[in-house]
Amino acid sequence: MKIIFAQGNPGNQYEKTRHNIGWMIIDKLAKQLDADFIHKPKFSASIAESSLNGEKILLVKPLTFYNDTGVSARALIDFYKMSTKDILVLHDDLMIDFGKLRIRLSGRDAGNNGVKSLNAYLGKDFVRLRIGIYTILRNKIHDKDFVLKKFTKDEIQLIEEKIIPQSIEIIHDFINDNLEPTSWSAL
């Protein structure tokens, strides 16, 4: 079994914000798999169950808010008695240009509070899909305001046409144990 764990914030006001790009990706994958999210209070998450290439997968949207997602991840790992190597975390990254993706097999939080929470609860050895959200706008407003700002119409188009399909391909590679650390650019 594999867990695809998407960082994000619950609530309509956070839809299509930079912090919720992981949720945008996982929502599209759930739709492709015809899997519905169900609220699971004991995991502090909404979870969609499916299988892909014979592997059972859980698509997880933690409901703890972004900065406390380690609580949800730990509950899942403990309940299913899984290794942290079987979880792929999708998260936005302020340090990476918008349109770029990076895969890492472990690492530090690089100032990302959600990843800091995950590291505190899981350790640093879990796979990450770092999704670049940096634009020049970041230099003009505070980081907190930037990550909670909605994507522009042009950014949404690039996300839907290139970033989401590439991210789903990466998820397939993870599920098939074919994932290597690498970088990819939509631009």
Protein backbone atom coordinates (compact mmCIF):
# COMPACT_ATOMS: atom_id res chain seq x y z
CA MET A 1 0.00 0.00 0.00
CA LYS A 2 1.11 3.56 -0.76
CA ILE A 3 -0.05 6.90 0.62
CA ILE A 4 -0.18 10.03 -1.52
CA PHE A 5 -0.32 12.82 1.05
CA ALA A 6 -1.11 16.31 -0.27
CA GLN A 7 -0.35 19.36 1.85
CA GLY A 8 -3.08 22.00 1.93
CA ASN A 9 -5.71 23.82 3.94
CA PRO A 10 -9.39 22.88 4.29
CA GLY A 11 -12.10 25.39 3.38
CA ASN A 12 -13.42 27.05 0.24
CA GLN A 13 -11.42 30.20 0.88
CA TYR A 14 -8.19 28.21 0.27
CA GLU A 15 -9.20 26.64 -3.05
CA LYS A 16 -6.73 27.38 -5.83
CA THR A 17 -4.27 29.07 -3.47
CA ARG A 18 -0.56 28.41 -3.75
CA HIS A 19 -0.53 26.41 -0.50
CA ASN A 20 -3.19 24.08 -1.95
CA ILE A 21 -1.52 23.07 -5.20
CA GLY A 22 -1.00 19.58 -3.74
CA TRP A 23 -4.76 19.30 -3.22
CA MET A 24 -5.38 20.41 -6.81
CA ILE A 25 -3.18 17.57 -8.04
CA ILE A 26 -4.66 14.90 -5.76
CA ASP A 27 -8.23 16.00 -6.59
CA LYS A 28 -7.51 15.47 -10.29
CA LEU A 29 -6.00 12.04 -9.62
CA ALA A 30 -9.02 11.04 -7.50
CA LYS A 31 -11.31 12.10 -10.34
CA GLN A 32 -9.31 10.02 -12.84
CA LEU A 33 -9.53 7.01 -10.51
CA ASP A 34 -13.22 7.62 -9.80
CA ALA A 35 -12.40 7.74 -6.08
CA ASP A 36 -14.38 9.83 -3.60
CA PHE A 37 -12.93 11.54 -0.55
CA ILE A 38 -14.48 10.57 2.77
CA HIS A 39 -13.89 12.45 6.03
CA LYS A 40 -11.97 10.20 8.45
CA PRO A 41 -11.82 11.97 11.85
CA LYS A 42 -9.42 9.46 13.44
CA PHE A 43 -6.84 10.46 10.80
CA SER A 44 -7.77 14.17 10.76
CA ALA A 45 -8.08 13.82 6.98
CA SER A 46 -10.26 13.25 3.96
CA ILE A 47 -9.20 10.04 2.28
CA ALA A 48 -9.98 8.47 -1.08
CA GLU A 49 -9.10 4.79 -1.50
CA SER A 50 -8.27 3.24 -4.84
CA SER A 51 -5.75 1.00 -6.54
CA LEU A 52 -3.32 1.69 -9.30
CA ASN A 53 -1.43 -1.02 -11.17
CA GLY A 54 -2.49 -3.54 -8.52
CA GLU A 55 -1.25 -1.40 -5.61
CA LYS A 56 -3.72 -0.14 -3.01
CA ILE A 57 -3.38 3.60 -2.57
CA LEU A 58 -4.73 6.17 -0.17
CA LEU A 59 -5.11 9.72 -1.44
CA VAL A 60 -4.97 11.92 1.64
CA LYS A 61 -5.92 15.54 2.24
CA PRO A 62 -5.10 16.35 5.89
CA LEU A 63 -7.65 18.58 7.63
CA THR A 64 -5.30 19.82 10.37
CA PHE A 65 -4.35 22.91 8.37
CA TYR A 66 -1.03 23.09 6.58
CA ASN A 67 1.32 23.70 9.51
CA ASP A 68 0.13 20.69 11.57
CA THR A 69 -0.07 17.97 8.94
CA GLY A 70 2.42 15.73 10.72
CA VAL A 71 -0.37 14.76 13.15
CA SER A 72 -2.44 13.27 10.32
CA ALA A 73 0.52 11.57 8.63
CA ARG A 74 1.67 9.94 11.88
CA ALA A 75 -1.84 8.60 12.60
CA LEU A 76 -1.95 6.97 9.14
CA ILE A 77 1.54 5.48 9.34
CA ASP A 78 0.86 4.04 12.80
CA PHE A 79 -2.59 2.65 11.98
CA TYR A 80 -1.50 0.94 8.77
CA LYS A 81 1.93 -0.03 10.20
CA MET A 82 3.69 1.39 7.18
CA SER A 83 7.18 2.61 6.49
CA THR A 84 7.66 6.31 5.82
CA LYS A 85 9.19 5.19 2.50
CA ASP A 86 5.63 4.32 1.38
CA ILE A 87 4.37 7.89 1.64
CA LEU A 88 4.73 10.54 -1.07
CA VAL A 89 4.13 14.09 0.15
CA LEU A 90 3.02 16.72 -2.37
CA HIS A 91 3.80 20.26 -1.21
CA ASP A 92 4.35 23.74 -2.53
CA ASP A 93 7.83 25.23 -2.31
CA LEU A 94 8.57 28.96 -2.12
CA MET A 95 12.21 28.42 -3.07
CA ILE A 96 11.44 26.82 -6.44
CA ASP A 97 10.22 28.78 -9.46
CA PHE A 98 6.60 28.33 -10.48
CA GLY A 99 6.31 25.56 -13.07
CA LYS A 100 9.15 23.45 -11.70
CA LEU A 101 8.92 20.17 -9.83
CA ARG A 102 11.60 18.47 -7.74
CA ILE A 103 11.58 14.97 -6.33
CA ARG A 104 13.54 14.29 -3.15
CA LEU A 105 13.75 11.04 -1.20
CA SER A 106 14.32 12.82 2.12
CA GLY A 107 15.47 16.17 3.44
CA ARG A 108 15.10 19.22 5.61
CA ASP A 109 12.08 21.50 5.75
CA ALA A 110 13.72 24.52 4.00
CA GLY A 111 11.47 26.83 6.03
CA ASN A 112 8.22 25.08 5.03
CA ASN A 113 6.16 24.77 8.24
CA GLY A 114 4.09 21.87 6.91
CA VAL A 115 7.22 19.90 6.09
CA LYS A 116 8.64 20.91 9.48
CA SER A 117 5.57 19.29 11.09
CA LEU A 118 5.98 16.16 8.96
CA ASN A 119 9.69 15.94 9.85
CA ALA A 120 8.82 16.26 13.55
CA TYR A 121 6.28 13.41 13.38
CA LEU A 122 7.83 11.15 10.73
CA GLY A 123 11.52 11.97 10.61
CA LYS A 124 13.13 13.17 7.40
CA ASP A 125 13.01 9.94 5.39
CA PHE A 126 9.89 10.28 3.27
CA VAL A 127 9.55 11.05 -0.43
CA ARG A 128 8.58 14.58 -1.44
CA LEU A 129 7.28 16.11 -4.63
CA ARG A 130 8.24 19.76 -4.22
CA ILE A 131 6.05 21.95 -6.42
CA GLY A 132 7.51 25.34 -7.23
CA ILE A 133 5.29 28.35 -6.59
CA TYR A 134 7.86 31.19 -6.57
CA THR A 135 7.00 34.19 -8.74
CA ILE A 136 8.21 37.78 -8.63
CA LEU A 137 5.08 38.61 -6.57
CA ARG A 138 6.74 36.85 -3.62
CA ASN A 139 9.25 39.70 -3.41
CA LYS A 140 6.43 42.22 -3.01
CA ILE A 141 4.32 40.66 -0.23
CA HIS A 142 4.89 38.68 2.97
CA ASP A 143 5.36 34.91 2.53
CA LYS A 144 2.17 34.12 4.50
CA ASP A 145 0.10 36.34 2.22
CA PHE A 146 1.82 34.94 -0.87
CA VAL A 147 1.13 31.26 -0.11
CA LEU A 148 -2.52 32.02 0.66
CA LYS A 149 -3.00 34.04 -2.54
CA LYS A 150 -4.96 32.45 -5.38
CA PHE A 151 -3.20 31.52 -8.60
CA THR A 152 -3.74 33.78 -11.62
CA LYS A 153 -5.78 32.62 -14.59
CA ASP A 154 -2.58 32.01 -16.61
CA GLU A 155 -1.02 30.05 -13.74
CA ILE A 156 -4.15 27.89 -13.43
CA GLN A 157 -3.92 27.09 -17.13
CA LEU A 158 -0.28 25.97 -16.79
CA ILE A 159 -1.16 23.94 -13.68
CA GLU A 160 -4.01 22.15 -15.44
CA GLU A 161 -2.23 21.58 -18.75
CA LYS A 162 1.29 20.68 -17.60
CA ILE A 163 1.96 20.59 -13.86
CA ILE A 164 -0.92 18.31 -12.85
CA PRO A 165 -0.33 15.76 -15.65
CA GLN A 166 3.41 15.63 -14.90
CA SER A 167 2.75 15.32 -11.16
CA ILE A 168 0.35 12.44 -11.77
CA GLU A 169 3.01 10.73 -13.89
CA ILE A 170 5.43 11.13 -10.96
CA ILE A 171 2.83 9.63 -8.61
CA HIS A 172 2.52 6.62 -10.95
CA ASP A 173 6.32 6.23 -10.85
CA PHE A 174 6.24 6.35 -7.03
CA ILE A 175 3.52 3.70 -6.86
CA ASN A 176 5.50 1.49 -9.25
CA ASP A 177 8.71 1.96 -7.19
CA ASN A 178 10.31 3.71 -10.16
CA LEU A 179 10.93 7.14 -8.64
CA GLU A 180 14.35 8.81 -8.74
CA PRO A 181 15.40 12.23 -7.41
CA THR A 182 15.06 14.62 -10.34
CA SER A 183 13.78 18.00 -11.48
CA TRP A 184 11.26 18.90 -14.18
CA SER A 185 10.13 22.21 -15.68
CA ALA A 186 6.90 23.14 -17.44
CA LEU A 187 8.44 26.34 -18.82
